[in-house]
Amino acid sequence: MTVQAGMDNDLWHWLLDAGWRELTYRPDRRNYREIPASWVTRLIDSLPEDRAQILALASGKARGRPKAGDPGTLPAYVTRE
């Protein structure tokens, strides 16, 4: 998931508590799936009590992507193993 404008500190801390984190080191050998931007927007706009359900649905819509650092790869700012 790429962090978008509009994400507040409360949502960011909720994601951290759920195991998400910033990509902070290289070489990163983890595999990632990309959550569509429209689902990230839904998560940002959701009520706190709906976040877990929306994140689960968003994760189900995720698609595979190249590993971070591969040519042509955009940086991922928030990731989950």
N, C-alpha and C. Protein backbone atom coordinates (compact mmCIF):
# COMPACT_ATOMS: atom_id res chain seq x y z
N MET A 1 0.86 -1.15 0.00
CA MET A 1 0.00 0.00 0.00
C MET A 1 0.92 1.22 0.00
N THR A 2 0.67 2.13 -0.90
CA THR A 2 1.40 3.38 -0.90
C THR A 2 0.57 4.39 -0.12
N VAL A 3 1.20 5.03 0.84
CA VAL A 3 0.50 6.00 1.67
C VAL A 3 0.11 7.20 0.81
N GLN A 4 -1.13 7.61 0.96
CA GLN A 4 -1.65 8.74 0.21
C GLN A 4 -1.88 9.91 1.14
N ALA A 5 -1.97 11.10 0.57
CA ALA A 5 -2.36 12.27 1.35
C ALA A 5 -3.74 12.00 1.95
N GLY A 6 -3.95 12.45 3.14
CA GLY A 6 -5.24 12.26 3.80
C GLY A 6 -5.20 11.23 4.91
N MET A 7 -4.11 10.47 5.01
CA MET A 7 -4.01 9.49 6.08
C MET A 7 -3.61 10.22 7.36
N ASP A 8 -4.42 10.10 8.39
CA ASP A 8 -4.12 10.79 9.64
C ASP A 8 -3.29 9.90 10.56
N ASN A 9 -2.80 10.50 11.64
CA ASN A 9 -1.95 9.77 12.58
C ASN A 9 -2.68 8.59 13.23
N ASP A 10 -3.97 8.75 13.48
CA ASP A 10 -4.74 7.67 14.10
C ASP A 10 -4.75 6.43 13.21
N LEU A 11 -5.00 6.62 11.91
CA LEU A 11 -4.99 5.49 10.98
C LEU A 11 -3.58 4.91 10.85
N TRP A 12 -2.58 5.77 10.77
CA TRP A 12 -1.20 5.30 10.67
C TRP A 12 -0.83 4.42 11.87
N HIS A 13 -1.17 4.87 13.07
CA HIS A 13 -0.87 4.07 14.27
C HIS A 13 -1.68 2.77 14.30
N TRP A 14 -2.90 2.81 13.81
CA TRP A 14 -3.71 1.60 13.72
C TRP A 14 -3.04 0.59 12.79
N LEU A 15 -2.54 1.07 11.65
CA LEU A 15 -1.83 0.18 10.72
C LEU A 15 -0.56 -0.38 11.36
N LEU A 16 0.19 0.44 12.07
CA LEU A 16 1.39 -0.06 12.75
C LEU A 16 1.04 -1.14 13.77
N ASP A 17 -0.03 -0.91 14.53
CA ASP A 17 -0.47 -1.92 15.51
C ASP A 17 -0.91 -3.21 14.84
N ALA A 18 -1.36 -3.11 13.58
CA ALA A 18 -1.80 -4.29 12.83
C ALA A 18 -0.63 -5.00 12.13
N GLY A 19 0.60 -4.49 12.30
CA GLY A 19 1.77 -5.16 11.73
C GLY A 19 2.32 -4.53 10.47
N TRP A 20 1.74 -3.44 10.01
CA TRP A 20 2.27 -2.75 8.82
C TRP A 20 3.40 -1.86 9.27
N ARG A 21 4.32 -1.57 8.35
CA ARG A 21 5.45 -0.73 8.69
C ARG A 21 6.04 -0.10 7.43
N GLU A 22 6.94 0.86 7.66
CA GLU A 22 7.63 1.50 6.55
C GLU A 22 8.69 0.55 6.01
N LEU A 23 8.95 0.67 4.72
CA LEU A 23 10.05 -0.03 4.10
C LEU A 23 11.31 0.77 4.41
N THR A 24 12.21 0.21 5.23
CA THR A 24 13.32 1.02 5.73
C THR A 24 14.70 0.46 5.44
N TYR A 25 14.80 -0.64 4.76
CA TYR A 25 16.13 -1.18 4.54
C TYR A 25 16.24 -1.86 3.18
N ARG A 26 17.46 -1.99 2.74
CA ARG A 26 17.77 -2.70 1.49
C ARG A 26 18.92 -3.64 1.79
N PRO A 27 19.13 -4.72 1.15
CA PRO A 27 18.23 -5.23 0.13
C PRO A 27 17.00 -5.87 0.77
N ASP A 28 15.88 -5.55 0.26
CA ASP A 28 14.62 -6.06 0.78
C ASP A 28 14.22 -7.25 -0.07
N ARG A 29 14.17 -8.42 0.51
CA ARG A 29 13.86 -9.64 -0.25
C ARG A 29 12.44 -10.13 -0.05
N ARG A 30 11.64 -9.33 0.67
CA ARG A 30 10.25 -9.72 0.86
C ARG A 30 9.47 -9.58 -0.44
N ASN A 31 8.39 -10.32 -0.54
CA ASN A 31 7.49 -10.19 -1.69
C ASN A 31 6.31 -9.32 -1.28
N TYR A 32 5.83 -8.52 -2.22
CA TYR A 32 4.75 -7.60 -1.94
C TYR A 32 3.58 -7.82 -2.88
N ARG A 33 2.42 -7.41 -2.40
CA ARG A 33 1.23 -7.31 -3.24
C ARG A 33 0.78 -5.87 -3.14
N GLU A 34 0.31 -5.32 -4.24
CA GLU A 34 -0.08 -3.91 -4.28
C GLU A 34 -1.59 -3.77 -4.10
N ILE A 35 -1.99 -2.98 -3.12
CA ILE A 35 -3.41 -2.70 -2.87
C ILE A 35 -3.81 -1.54 -3.77
N PRO A 36 -4.90 -1.67 -4.53
CA PRO A 36 -5.33 -0.58 -5.41
C PRO A 36 -5.59 0.71 -4.65
N ALA A 37 -5.22 1.83 -5.27
CA ALA A 37 -5.36 3.15 -4.65
C ALA A 37 -6.80 3.43 -4.23
N SER A 38 -7.77 2.95 -4.98
CA SER A 38 -9.16 3.20 -4.61
C SER A 38 -9.51 2.57 -3.27
N TRP A 39 -8.89 1.42 -2.95
CA TRP A 39 -9.14 0.77 -1.66
C TRP A 39 -8.41 1.49 -0.53
N VAL A 40 -7.25 2.06 -0.83
CA VAL A 40 -6.55 2.86 0.18
C VAL A 40 -7.41 4.08 0.54
N THR A 41 -8.01 4.69 -0.47
CA THR A 41 -8.89 5.84 -0.23
C THR A 41 -10.08 5.42 0.63
N ARG A 42 -10.66 4.26 0.36
CA ARG A 42 -11.77 3.77 1.19
C ARG A 42 -11.34 3.59 2.63
N LEU A 43 -10.12 3.07 2.82
CA LEU A 43 -9.60 2.87 4.17
C LEU A 43 -9.43 4.21 4.88
N ILE A 44 -8.88 5.19 4.19
CA ILE A 44 -8.69 6.52 4.77
C ILE A 44 -10.02 7.13 5.17
N ASP A 45 -11.04 6.95 4.35
CA ASP A 45 -12.35 7.56 4.59
C ASP A 45 -13.23 6.75 5.55
N SER A 46 -12.78 5.57 5.95
CA SER A 46 -13.63 4.69 6.77
C SER A 46 -13.67 5.13 8.24
N LEU A 47 -14.70 4.67 8.90
CA LEU A 47 -14.81 4.85 10.35
C LEU A 47 -13.85 3.87 11.03
N PRO A 48 -13.31 4.23 12.18
CA PRO A 48 -12.37 3.34 12.88
C PRO A 48 -12.92 1.92 13.08
N GLU A 49 -14.20 1.79 13.36
CA GLU A 49 -14.75 0.45 13.61
C GLU A 49 -14.88 -0.38 12.33
N ASP A 50 -14.75 0.25 11.16
CA ASP A 50 -14.85 -0.47 9.89
C ASP A 50 -13.50 -0.79 9.26
N ARG A 51 -12.41 -0.29 9.85
CA ARG A 51 -11.08 -0.42 9.24
C ARG A 51 -10.65 -1.86 8.99
N ALA A 52 -10.83 -2.72 9.96
CA ALA A 52 -10.36 -4.11 9.81
C ALA A 52 -11.06 -4.79 8.64
N GLN A 53 -12.36 -4.59 8.51
CA GLN A 53 -13.10 -5.21 7.41
C GLN A 53 -12.66 -4.64 6.06
N ILE A 54 -12.49 -3.33 5.99
CA ILE A 54 -12.08 -2.71 4.72
C ILE A 54 -10.66 -3.13 4.36
N LEU A 55 -9.77 -3.20 5.34
CA LEU A 55 -8.40 -3.63 5.06
C LEU A 55 -8.38 -5.08 4.56
N ALA A 56 -9.21 -5.93 5.14
CA ALA A 56 -9.29 -7.32 4.69
C ALA A 56 -9.79 -7.39 3.25
N LEU A 57 -10.81 -6.62 2.93
CA LEU A 57 -11.31 -6.59 1.55
C LEU A 57 -10.27 -6.03 0.60
N ALA A 58 -9.59 -4.97 1.03
CA ALA A 58 -8.55 -4.36 0.20
C ALA A 58 -7.41 -5.35 -0.06
N SER A 59 -7.02 -6.08 0.96
CA SER A 59 -5.94 -7.08 0.80
C SER A 59 -6.35 -8.16 -0.19
N GLY A 60 -7.63 -8.48 -0.21
CA GLY A 60 -8.13 -9.46 -1.17
C GLY A 60 -8.07 -8.98 -2.61
N LYS A 61 -8.03 -7.68 -2.81
CA LYS A 61 -7.95 -7.08 -4.15
C LYS A 61 -6.50 -6.83 -4.58
N ALA A 62 -5.56 -7.10 -3.70
CA ALA A 62 -4.15 -6.82 -4.00
C ALA A 62 -3.64 -7.72 -5.12
N ARG A 63 -2.72 -7.16 -5.88
CA ARG A 63 -2.09 -7.89 -6.99
C ARG A 63 -0.59 -7.99 -6.71
N GLY A 64 0.02 -9.03 -7.27
CA GLY A 64 1.46 -9.20 -7.12
C GLY A 64 2.19 -8.05 -7.78
N ARG A 65 3.39 -7.79 -7.29
CA ARG A 65 4.23 -6.75 -7.86
C ARG A 65 5.68 -7.15 -7.73
N PRO A 66 6.56 -6.53 -8.51
CA PRO A 66 7.99 -6.86 -8.39
C PRO A 66 8.51 -6.51 -7.01
N LYS A 67 9.60 -7.15 -6.62
CA LYS A 67 10.23 -6.84 -5.34
C LYS A 67 10.74 -5.41 -5.35
N ALA A 68 10.76 -4.78 -4.19
CA ALA A 68 11.30 -3.43 -4.06
C ALA A 68 12.74 -3.42 -4.52
N GLY A 69 13.11 -2.41 -5.26
CA GLY A 69 14.48 -2.30 -5.75
C GLY A 69 14.67 -2.88 -7.13
N ASP A 70 13.70 -3.66 -7.63
CA ASP A 70 13.80 -4.16 -8.99
C ASP A 70 13.61 -3.00 -9.96
N PRO A 71 14.24 -3.04 -11.12
CA PRO A 71 14.06 -1.94 -12.08
C PRO A 71 12.59 -1.73 -12.40
N GLY A 72 12.19 -0.47 -12.43
CA GLY A 72 10.81 -0.15 -12.76
C GLY A 72 9.84 -0.25 -11.60
N THR A 73 10.33 -0.50 -10.40
CA THR A 73 9.47 -0.65 -9.24
C THR A 73 9.36 0.69 -8.52
N LEU A 74 8.12 1.08 -8.22
CA LEU A 74 7.91 2.28 -7.41
C LEU A 74 8.10 1.94 -5.96
N PRO A 75 8.54 2.90 -5.14
CA PRO A 75 8.76 2.59 -3.71
C PRO A 75 7.46 2.28 -3.00
N ALA A 76 7.51 1.30 -2.11
CA ALA A 76 6.37 0.97 -1.25
C ALA A 76 6.68 1.57 0.11
N TYR A 77 5.79 2.38 0.64
CA TYR A 77 6.06 3.05 1.89
C TYR A 77 5.48 2.32 3.09
N VAL A 78 4.42 1.56 2.86
CA VAL A 78 3.84 0.79 3.94
C VAL A 78 3.69 -0.63 3.43
N THR A 79 4.19 -1.58 4.18
CA THR A 79 4.21 -2.96 3.72
C THR A 79 3.82 -3.90 4.83
N ARG A 80 3.49 -5.10 4.45
CA ARG A 80 3.22 -6.14 5.41
C ARG A 80 3.74 -7.44 4.84
N GLU A 81 4.41 -8.22 5.67
CA GLU A 81 4.91 -9.51 5.19
C GLU A 81 3.78 -10.46 4.93
